[in-house]
Amino acid sequence: MSMQWIRAEWPAPAGIVAGTTTRDGGVSGGAYASMNLGAHVDDDPSCVAENRRRFVAGCGLEAEPDWLTQVHGTAVRRAGDTVPLEADAAVAREPGATVAVLTADCLPILLCAQDGEEIAAIHAGWRGLAAGIVDATLASMQTPPGHLLAWFGPAISQPAFEVGDEVRAAFLAGDSGAEACFLPNERGRWQADLYALARRQLDAAGIGAVHGGGLCTVGDTARFFSYRRDGQCGRMATFIHLER
């Protein structure tokens, strides 16, 4: 099977290629079958390398992105920097650049300037969102938030995302209105809406044009890896490319 990916549906300008890979079309086996792009999950390195080659070719990219070492923090990396890759977002303005994040339940967010001059990819799990990864990324960009488009890739949905009081408290500490993003369940815990939490932050920052969302990594076993569902699993890439 050829590599399958989901193209972002948003009004991005010409020259922007963006989307999310699925688990189909790679060479990895077992828990990583088959299009695992994560090199940190104990998959065969040769399989990951071949999957990444297929990713570049299948999506029409010029080269692999600089893969980040994601730590659920707020560090942002500019494409081409020589500093360490430990970051949870990447920003680029150079033609030919690709930025990407790896996920298997966390929310991937893509940003694009309306004039096509700047792009960004954000790894937004609940820890990163609560800590301020969205605002940190926006602060690293030259484009004002009001001139940005956003797209949500596939993530864990609210019905599948049970969390404890500490997660809810982390968000309410900075935004009391985030209470609406948590529903109590019969176990005395909460169902968190990661999409809604991110949308609130983008809206507060001045980004009204938000697209995507609604796909659940946990529920769609055919297309997506899910750490919460399977534990040991591969990773999808959500990427955005600025053509020359």
C-alpha atoms as a PDB file:
ATOM      1  CA  MET A   1       0.000   0.000   0.000  1.00  0.00           C
ATOM      2  CA  SER A   2       1.281   3.465  -0.857  1.00  0.00           C
ATOM      3  CA  MET A   3       1.764   6.014   1.894  1.00  0.00           C
ATOM      4  CA  GLN A   4      -1.532   7.569   2.981  1.00  0.00           C
ATOM      5  CA  TRP A   5      -1.876  11.049   4.423  1.00  0.00           C
ATOM      6  CA  ILE A   6      -4.618  13.537   5.272  1.00  0.00           C
ATOM      7  CA  ARG A   7      -4.291  16.868   3.524  1.00  0.00           C
ATOM      8  CA  ALA A   8      -5.187  19.892   5.652  1.00  0.00           C
ATOM      9  CA  GLU A   9      -8.489  21.447   4.583  1.00  0.00           C
ATOM     10  CA  TRP A  10      -8.065  25.170   5.158  1.00  0.00           C
ATOM     11  CA  PRO A  11      -7.799  28.290   2.982  1.00  0.00           C
ATOM     12  CA  ALA A  12      -4.003  28.346   2.998  1.00  0.00           C
ATOM     13  CA  PRO A  13      -2.358  30.314   0.174  1.00  0.00           C
ATOM     14  CA  ALA A  14      -0.699  28.680  -2.810  1.00  0.00           C
ATOM     15  CA  GLY A  15       2.685  27.177  -2.000  1.00  0.00           C
ATOM     16  CA  ILE A  16       1.646  25.674   1.339  1.00  0.00           C
ATOM     17  CA  VAL A  17       1.533  21.875   1.668  1.00  0.00           C
ATOM     18  CA  ALA A  18       0.217  20.623   4.995  1.00  0.00           C
ATOM     19  CA  GLY A  19      -1.389  17.629   6.635  1.00  0.00           C
ATOM     20  CA  THR A  20      -0.986  14.520   8.779  1.00  0.00           C
ATOM     21  CA  THR A  21       0.305  11.077   7.946  1.00  0.00           C
ATOM     22  CA  THR A  22      -1.668   7.957   8.835  1.00  0.00           C
ATOM     23  CA  ARG A  23      -0.380   4.565   9.964  1.00  0.00           C
ATOM     24  CA  ASP A  24      -0.686   3.138   6.432  1.00  0.00           C
ATOM     25  CA  GLY A  25       1.986   2.699   3.786  1.00  0.00           C
ATOM     26  CA  GLY A  26       5.141   2.043   5.777  1.00  0.00           C
ATOM     27  CA  VAL A  27       7.410  -0.928   6.471  1.00  0.00           C
ATOM     28  CA  SER A  28       7.340  -1.187  10.272  1.00  0.00           C
ATOM     29  CA  GLY A  29       5.764  -4.224  11.922  1.00  0.00           C
ATOM     30  CA  GLY A  30       4.035  -5.234  15.126  1.00  0.00           C
ATOM     31  CA  ALA A  31       2.914  -2.372  17.359  1.00  0.00           C
ATOM     32  CA  TYR A  32       4.465   0.087  14.899  1.00  0.00           C
ATOM     33  CA  ALA A  33       2.691  -1.163  11.779  1.00  0.00           C
ATOM     34  CA  SER A  34       3.248   0.298   9.479  1.00  0.00           C
ATOM     35  CA  MET A  35       4.059   3.993   8.914  1.00  0.00           C
ATOM     36  CA  ASN A  36       5.770   4.827  12.192  1.00  0.00           C
ATOM     37  CA  LEU A  37       7.821   8.026  11.925  1.00  0.00           C
ATOM     38  CA  GLY A  38       9.025   8.160  15.528  1.00  0.00           C
ATOM     39  CA  ALA A  39      12.649   7.189  16.149  1.00  0.00           C
ATOM     40  CA  HIS A  40      12.227   7.172  19.946  1.00  0.00           C
ATOM     41  CA  VAL A  41       9.722   4.304  20.343  1.00  0.00           C
ATOM     42  CA  ASP A  42      12.028   1.246  20.003  1.00  0.00           C
ATOM     43  CA  ASP A  43      11.083   0.548  16.397  1.00  0.00           C
ATOM     44  CA  ASP A  44      13.751  -0.821  14.028  1.00  0.00           C
ATOM     45  CA  PRO A  45      15.820   2.252  13.008  1.00  0.00           C
ATOM     46  CA  SER A  46      16.084   1.023   9.428  1.00  0.00           C
ATOM     47  CA  CYS A  47      12.291   0.829   9.210  1.00  0.00           C
ATOM     48  CA  VAL A  48      11.909   4.345  10.597  1.00  0.00           C
ATOM     49  CA  ALA A  49      14.446   5.642   8.084  1.00  0.00           C
ATOM     50  CA  GLU A  50      12.554   4.033   5.197  1.00  0.00           C
ATOM     51  CA  ASN A  51       9.240   5.358   6.515  1.00  0.00           C
ATOM     52  CA  ARG A  52      10.682   8.856   6.689  1.00  0.00           C
ATOM     53  CA  ARG A  53      11.964   8.522   3.132  1.00  0.00           C
ATOM     54  CA  ARG A  54       8.472   7.516   2.017  1.00  0.00           C
ATOM     55  CA  PHE A  55       6.996  10.422   3.957  1.00  0.00           C
ATOM     56  CA  VAL A  56       9.186  12.939   2.122  1.00  0.00           C
ATOM     57  CA  ALA A  57       8.483  11.384  -1.278  1.00  0.00           C
ATOM     58  CA  GLY A  58       4.780  10.768  -0.720  1.00  0.00           C
ATOM     59  CA  CYS A  59       4.044  14.291   0.474  1.00  0.00           C
ATOM     60  CA  GLY A  60       6.207  15.987  -2.149  1.00  0.00           C
ATOM     61  CA  LEU A  61       8.667  17.546   0.268  1.00  0.00           C
ATOM     62  CA  GLU A  62      12.211  18.641  -0.543  1.00  0.00           C
ATOM     63  CA  ALA A  63      13.798  17.006   2.494  1.00  0.00           C
ATOM     64  CA  GLU A  64      13.018  15.698   5.965  1.00  0.00           C
ATOM     65  CA  PRO A  65      12.176  18.278   8.612  1.00  0.00           C
ATOM     66  CA  ASP A  66      14.493  18.706  11.563  1.00  0.00           C
ATOM     67  CA  TRP A  67      12.723  16.226  13.837  1.00  0.00           C
ATOM     68  CA  LEU A  68      12.223  17.698  17.298  1.00  0.00           C
ATOM     69  CA  THR A  69      12.890  16.000  20.611  1.00  0.00           C
ATOM     70  CA  GLN A  70       9.501  16.758  22.167  1.00  0.00           C
ATOM     71  CA  VAL A  71       9.332  17.118  25.946  1.00  0.00           C
ATOM     72  CA  HIS A  72       5.857  18.620  26.599  1.00  0.00           C
ATOM     73  CA  GLY A  73       7.474  22.003  27.248  1.00  0.00           C
ATOM     74  CA  THR A  74       7.333  25.499  25.747  1.00  0.00           C
ATOM     75  CA  ALA A  75      10.601  25.763  23.796  1.00  0.00           C
ATOM     76  CA  VAL A  76      10.245  26.843  20.164  1.00  0.00           C
ATOM     77  CA  ARG A  77      12.828  26.182  17.482  1.00  0.00           C
ATOM     78  CA  ARG A  78      13.351  28.129  14.277  1.00  0.00           C
ATOM     79  CA  ALA A  79      14.072  25.925  11.268  1.00  0.00           C
ATOM     80  CA  GLY A  80      17.761  25.891  10.464  1.00  0.00           C
ATOM     81  CA  ASP A  81      18.931  26.785  13.972  1.00  0.00           C
ATOM     82  CA  THR A  82      21.991  24.955  15.227  1.00  0.00           C
ATOM     83  CA  VAL A  83      20.709  24.837  18.795  1.00  0.00           C
ATOM     84  CA  PRO A  84      19.529  21.480  20.228  1.00  0.00           C
ATOM     85  CA  LEU A  85      16.282  20.115  18.863  1.00  0.00           C
ATOM     86  CA  GLU A  86      14.602  19.732  22.284  1.00  0.00           C
ATOM     87  CA  ALA A  87      11.462  21.760  21.638  1.00  0.00           C
ATOM     88  CA  ASP A  88       7.723  21.358  21.163  1.00  0.00           C
ATOM     89  CA  ALA A  89       7.185  23.762  18.290  1.00  0.00           C
ATOM     90  CA  ALA A  90       9.053  24.872  15.193  1.00  0.00           C
ATOM     91  CA  VAL A  91       8.751  28.013  13.074  1.00  0.00           C
ATOM     92  CA  ALA A  92      10.077  28.747   9.579  1.00  0.00           C
ATOM     93  CA  ARG A  93      10.045  31.467   6.919  1.00  0.00           C
ATOM     94  CA  GLU A  94      12.547  30.061   4.439  1.00  0.00           C
ATOM     95  CA  PRO A  95      11.196  28.762   1.095  1.00  0.00           C
ATOM     96  CA  GLY A  96      11.665  25.006   0.945  1.00  0.00           C
ATOM     97  CA  ALA A  97      11.387  24.574   4.715  1.00  0.00           C
ATOM     98  CA  THR A  98       9.265  21.911   6.404  1.00  0.00           C
ATOM     99  CA  VAL A  99       8.361  21.890  10.098  1.00  0.00           C
ATOM    100  CA  ALA A 100       6.667  18.927  11.772  1.00  0.00           C
ATOM    101  CA  VAL A 101       5.657  17.380  15.078  1.00  0.00           C
ATOM    102  CA  LEU A 102       5.052  13.735  16.017  1.00  0.00           C
ATOM    103  CA  THR A 103       1.937  12.656  17.896  1.00  0.00           C
ATOM    104  CA  ALA A 104      -0.129   9.659  18.971  1.00  0.00           C
ATOM    105  CA  ASP A 105      -2.964  11.395  20.917  1.00  0.00           C
ATOM    106  CA  CYS A 106      -1.554  14.878  21.650  1.00  0.00           C
ATOM    107  CA  LEU A 107      -2.953  17.684  19.519  1.00  0.00           C
ATOM    108  CA  PRO A 108      -0.858  18.831  16.544  1.00  0.00           C
ATOM    109  CA  ILE A 109      -1.488  22.444  15.529  1.00  0.00           C
ATOM    110  CA  LEU A 110      -0.314  23.997  12.275  1.00  0.00           C
ATOM    111  CA  LEU A 111      -0.084  27.753  11.744  1.00  0.00           C
ATOM    112  CA  CYS A 112       0.284  29.591   8.457  1.00  0.00           C
ATOM    113  CA  ALA A 113       0.529  33.287   7.632  1.00  0.00           C
ATOM    114  CA  GLN A 114      -2.288  34.376   5.358  1.00  0.00           C
ATOM    115  CA  ASP A 115       0.316  35.705   2.917  1.00  0.00           C
ATOM    116  CA  GLY A 116       2.183  32.380   2.950  1.00  0.00           C
ATOM    117  CA  GLU A 117       5.382  33.888   4.334  1.00  0.00           C
ATOM    118  CA  GLU A 118       5.614  32.012   7.647  1.00  0.00           C
ATOM    119  CA  ILE A 119       4.676  28.571   9.004  1.00  0.00           C
ATOM    120  CA  ALA A 120       4.712  26.765  12.343  1.00  0.00           C
ATOM    121  CA  ALA A 121       3.962  23.344  13.834  1.00  0.00           C
ATOM    122  CA  ILE A 122       3.045  22.847  17.507  1.00  0.00           C
ATOM    123  CA  HIS A 123       2.981  19.705  19.671  1.00  0.00           C
ATOM    124  CA  ALA A 124       0.147  20.495  22.072  1.00  0.00           C
ATOM    125  CA  GLY A 125      -0.511  17.843  24.659  1.00  0.00           C
ATOM    126  CA  TRP A 126      -2.291  18.975  27.794  1.00  0.00           C
ATOM    127  CA  ARG A 127       0.966  19.779  29.601  1.00  0.00           C
ATOM    128  CA  GLY A 128       2.269  21.936  26.784  1.00  0.00           C
ATOM    129  CA  LEU A 129      -1.060  23.699  26.351  1.00  0.00           C
ATOM    130  CA  ALA A 130      -1.345  24.448  30.051  1.00  0.00           C
ATOM    131  CA  ALA A 131       2.266  25.648  30.181  1.00  0.00           C
ATOM    132  CA  GLY A 132       1.834  28.081  27.277  1.00  0.00           C
ATOM    133  CA  ILE A 133       3.267  26.448  24.138  1.00  0.00           C
ATOM    134  CA  VAL A 134       0.731  28.276  21.929  1.00  0.00           C
ATOM    135  CA  ASP A 135       1.658  31.732  23.220  1.00  0.00           C
ATOM    136  CA  ALA A 136       5.366  30.864  23.102  1.00  0.00           C
ATOM    137  CA  THR A 137       5.043  29.898  19.438  1.00  0.00           C
ATOM    138  CA  LEU A 138       3.143  33.060  18.547  1.00  0.00           C
ATOM    139  CA  ALA A 139       5.783  35.144  20.319  1.00  0.00           C
ATOM    140  CA  SER A 140       8.437  33.496  18.126  1.00  0.00           C
ATOM    141  CA  MET A 141       6.649  34.397  14.892  1.00  0.00           C
ATOM    142  CA  GLN A 142       6.893  37.633  12.943  1.00  0.00           C
ATOM    143  CA  THR A 143       3.325  37.383  11.659  1.00  0.00           C
ATOM    144  CA  PRO A 144       0.689  39.012  13.928  1.00  0.00           C
ATOM    145  CA  PRO A 145      -1.847  36.476  15.248  1.00  0.00           C
ATOM    146  CA  GLY A 146      -4.674  38.195  13.397  1.00  0.00           C
ATOM    147  CA  HIS A 147      -2.972  37.337  10.105  1.00  0.00           C
ATOM    148  CA  LEU A 148      -2.550  33.626  10.871  1.00  0.00           C
ATOM    149  CA  LEU A 149      -4.590  30.559   9.958  1.00  0.00           C
ATOM    150  CA  ALA A 150      -4.654  27.494  12.217  1.00  0.00           C
ATOM    151  CA  TRP A 151      -5.380  23.828  11.510  1.00  0.00           C
ATOM    152  CA  PHE A 152      -5.886  21.032  14.029  1.00  0.00           C
ATOM    153  CA  GLY A 153      -4.634  17.580  13.145  1.00  0.00           C
ATOM    154  CA  PRO A 154      -6.035  14.370  14.682  1.00  0.00           C
ATOM    155  CA  ALA A 155      -5.923  14.041  18.478  1.00  0.00           C
ATOM    156  CA  ILE A 156      -7.638  12.276  21.339  1.00  0.00           C
ATOM    157  CA  SER A 157     -11.318  13.290  21.581  1.00  0.00           C
ATOM    158  CA  GLN A 158     -13.167  14.380  24.710  1.00  0.00           C
ATOM    159  CA  PRO A 159     -15.059  11.075  25.173  1.00  0.00           C
ATOM    160  CA  ALA A 160     -11.720   9.216  25.199  1.00  0.00           C
ATOM    161  CA  PHE A 161      -9.682  11.675  27.286  1.00  0.00           C
ATOM    162  CA  GLU A 162     -10.252  11.077  30.987  1.00  0.00           C
ATOM    163  CA  VAL A 163      -8.120  13.237  33.295  1.00  0.00           C
ATOM    164  CA  GLY A 164      -7.811  14.006  37.000  1.00  0.00           C
ATOM    165  CA  ASP A 165      -8.401  17.151  39.023  1.00  0.00           C
ATOM    166  CA  GLU A 166      -4.807  18.281  38.533  1.00  0.00           C
ATOM    167  CA  VAL A 167      -5.233  18.649  34.775  1.00  0.00           C
ATOM    168  CA  ARG A 168      -8.412  20.692  35.121  1.00  0.00           C
ATOM    169  CA  ALA A 169      -6.796  22.857  37.801  1.00  0.00           C
ATOM    170  CA  ALA A 170      -3.778  23.547  35.580  1.00  0.00           C
ATOM    171  CA  PHE A 171      -6.007  25.095  32.914  1.00  0.00           C
ATOM    172  CA  LEU A 172      -8.405  26.907  35.231  1.00  0.00           C
ATOM    173  CA  ALA A 173      -5.467  28.597  36.957  1.00  0.00           C
ATOM    174  CA  GLY A 174      -4.902  30.692  33.846  1.00  0.00           C
ATOM    175  CA  ASP A 175      -8.404  30.731  32.366  1.00  0.00           C
ATOM    176  CA  SER A 176     -11.496  30.234  34.497  1.00  0.00           C
ATOM    177  CA  GLY A 177     -13.559  29.910  31.322  1.00  0.00           C
ATOM    178  CA  ALA A 178     -11.739  26.662  30.519  1.00  0.00           C
ATOM    179  CA  GLU A 179     -14.173  25.017  32.951  1.00  0.00           C
ATOM    180  CA  ALA A 180     -16.512  24.550  29.987  1.00  0.00           C
ATOM    181  CA  CYS A 181     -13.957  22.210  28.371  1.00  0.00           C
ATOM    182  CA  PHE A 182     -14.263  19.596  31.158  1.00  0.00           C
ATOM    183  CA  LEU A 183     -17.226  17.302  31.744  1.00  0.00           C
ATOM    184  CA  PRO A 184     -17.530  15.262  34.962  1.00  0.00           C
ATOM    185  CA  ASN A 185     -17.816  11.510  34.570  1.00  0.00           C
ATOM    186  CA  GLU A 186     -19.235   8.780  36.780  1.00  0.00           C
ATOM    187  CA  ARG A 187     -15.788   7.915  38.154  1.00  0.00           C
ATOM    188  CA  GLY A 188     -15.377  11.314  39.765  1.00  0.00           C
ATOM    189  CA  ARG A 189     -12.897  12.418  37.119  1.00  0.00           C
ATOM    190  CA  TRP A 190     -13.142  14.622  34.031  1.00  0.00           C
ATOM    191  CA  GLN A 191     -13.442  14.270  30.255  1.00  0.00           C
ATOM    192  CA  ALA A 192     -11.203  16.951  28.768  1.00  0.00           C
ATOM    193  CA  ASP A 193     -11.753  18.550  25.355  1.00  0.00           C
ATOM    194  CA  LEU A 194      -8.228  19.149  24.060  1.00  0.00           C
ATOM    195  CA  TYR A 195      -9.526  20.692  20.841  1.00  0.00           C
ATOM    196  CA  ALA A 196     -11.687  23.191  22.735  1.00  0.00           C
ATOM    197  CA  LEU A 197      -8.881  24.096  25.140  1.00  0.00           C
ATOM    198  CA  ALA A 198      -6.557  24.880  22.238  1.00  0.00           C
ATOM    199  CA  ARG A 199      -9.270  26.807  20.395  1.00  0.00           C
ATOM    200  CA  ARG A 200      -9.807  29.004  23.459  1.00  0.00           C
ATOM    201  CA  GLN A 201      -6.110  29.875  23.536  1.00  0.00           C
ATOM    202  CA  LEU A 202      -5.938  30.635  19.821  1.00  0.00           C
ATOM    203  CA  ASP A 203      -9.071  32.769  20.055  1.00  0.00           C
ATOM    204  CA  ALA A 204      -7.703  34.678  23.042  1.00  0.00           C
ATOM    205  CA  ALA A 205      -4.513  35.358  21.090  1.00  0.00           C
ATOM    206  CA  GLY A 206      -6.474  36.783  18.168  1.00  0.00           C
ATOM    207  CA  ILE A 207      -6.571  33.838  15.756  1.00  0.00           C
ATOM    208  CA  GLY A 208     -10.162  33.490  14.624  1.00  0.00           C
ATOM    209  CA  ALA A 209      -9.535  31.328  11.562  1.00  0.00           C
ATOM    210  CA  VAL A 210      -9.245  27.831  13.053  1.00  0.00           C
ATOM    211  CA  HIS A 211      -9.869  24.766  10.898  1.00  0.00           C
ATOM    212  CA  GLY A 212      -9.719  20.983  11.300  1.00  0.00           C
ATOM    213  CA  GLY A 213     -10.406  19.066  14.487  1.00  0.00           C
ATOM    214  CA  GLY A 214     -12.984  16.395  15.091  1.00  0.00           C
ATOM    215  CA  LEU A 215     -10.837  13.340  14.380  1.00  0.00           C
ATOM    216  CA  CYS A 216     -10.138  10.942  17.252  1.00  0.00           C
ATOM    217  CA  THR A 217      -6.868   9.035  17.379  1.00  0.00           C
ATOM    218  CA  VAL A 218      -8.197   6.611  19.984  1.00  0.00           C
ATOM    219  CA  GLY A 219     -11.344   5.677  18.103  1.00  0.00           C
ATOM    220  CA  ASP A 220      -9.885   5.370  14.596  1.00  0.00           C
ATOM    221  CA  THR A 221      -7.740   2.249  14.934  1.00  0.00           C
ATOM    222  CA  ALA A 222      -7.376   1.842  11.171  1.00  0.00           C
ATOM    223  CA  ARG A 223      -5.744   5.206  10.502  1.00  0.00           C
ATOM    224  CA  PHE A 224      -4.099   6.430  13.698  1.00  0.00           C
ATOM    225  CA  PHE A 225      -1.627   5.384  16.357  1.00  0.00           C
ATOM    226  CA  SER A 226      -2.841   6.013  19.912  1.00  0.00           C
ATOM    227  CA  TYR A 227      -0.686   5.826  23.010  1.00  0.00           C
ATOM    228  CA  ARG A 228      -3.678   5.858  25.344  1.00  0.00           C
ATOM    229  CA  ARG A 229      -5.348   3.031  23.436  1.00  0.00           C
ATOM    230  CA  ASP A 230      -2.328   0.798  22.805  1.00  0.00           C
ATOM    231  CA  GLY A 231       0.566   1.943  24.984  1.00  0.00           C
ATOM    232  CA  GLN A 232       3.403   0.791  22.764  1.00  0.00           C
ATOM    233  CA  CYS A 233       2.780   2.316  19.332  1.00  0.00           C
ATOM    234  CA  GLY A 234       4.178   4.404  16.503  1.00  0.00           C
ATOM    235  CA  ARG A 235       3.827   8.118  15.789  1.00  0.00           C
ATOM    236  CA  MET A 236       2.204  10.135  13.008  1.00  0.00           C
ATOM    237  CA  ALA A 237       3.715  13.327  11.633  1.00  0.00           C
ATOM    238  CA  THR A 238       1.744  16.536  11.222  1.00  0.00           C
ATOM    239  CA  PHE A 239       3.683  18.855   8.943  1.00  0.00           C
ATOM    240  CA  ILE A 240       3.608  22.073   6.968  1.00  0.00           C
ATOM    241  CA  HIS A 241       5.876  22.855   4.015  1.00  0.00           C
ATOM    242  CA  LEU A 242       6.647  26.185   2.366  1.00  0.00           C
ATOM    243  CA  GLU A 243       7.317  25.579  -1.312  1.00  0.00           C
ATOM    244  CA  ARG A 244       9.957  27.516  -3.161  1.00  0.00           C
END
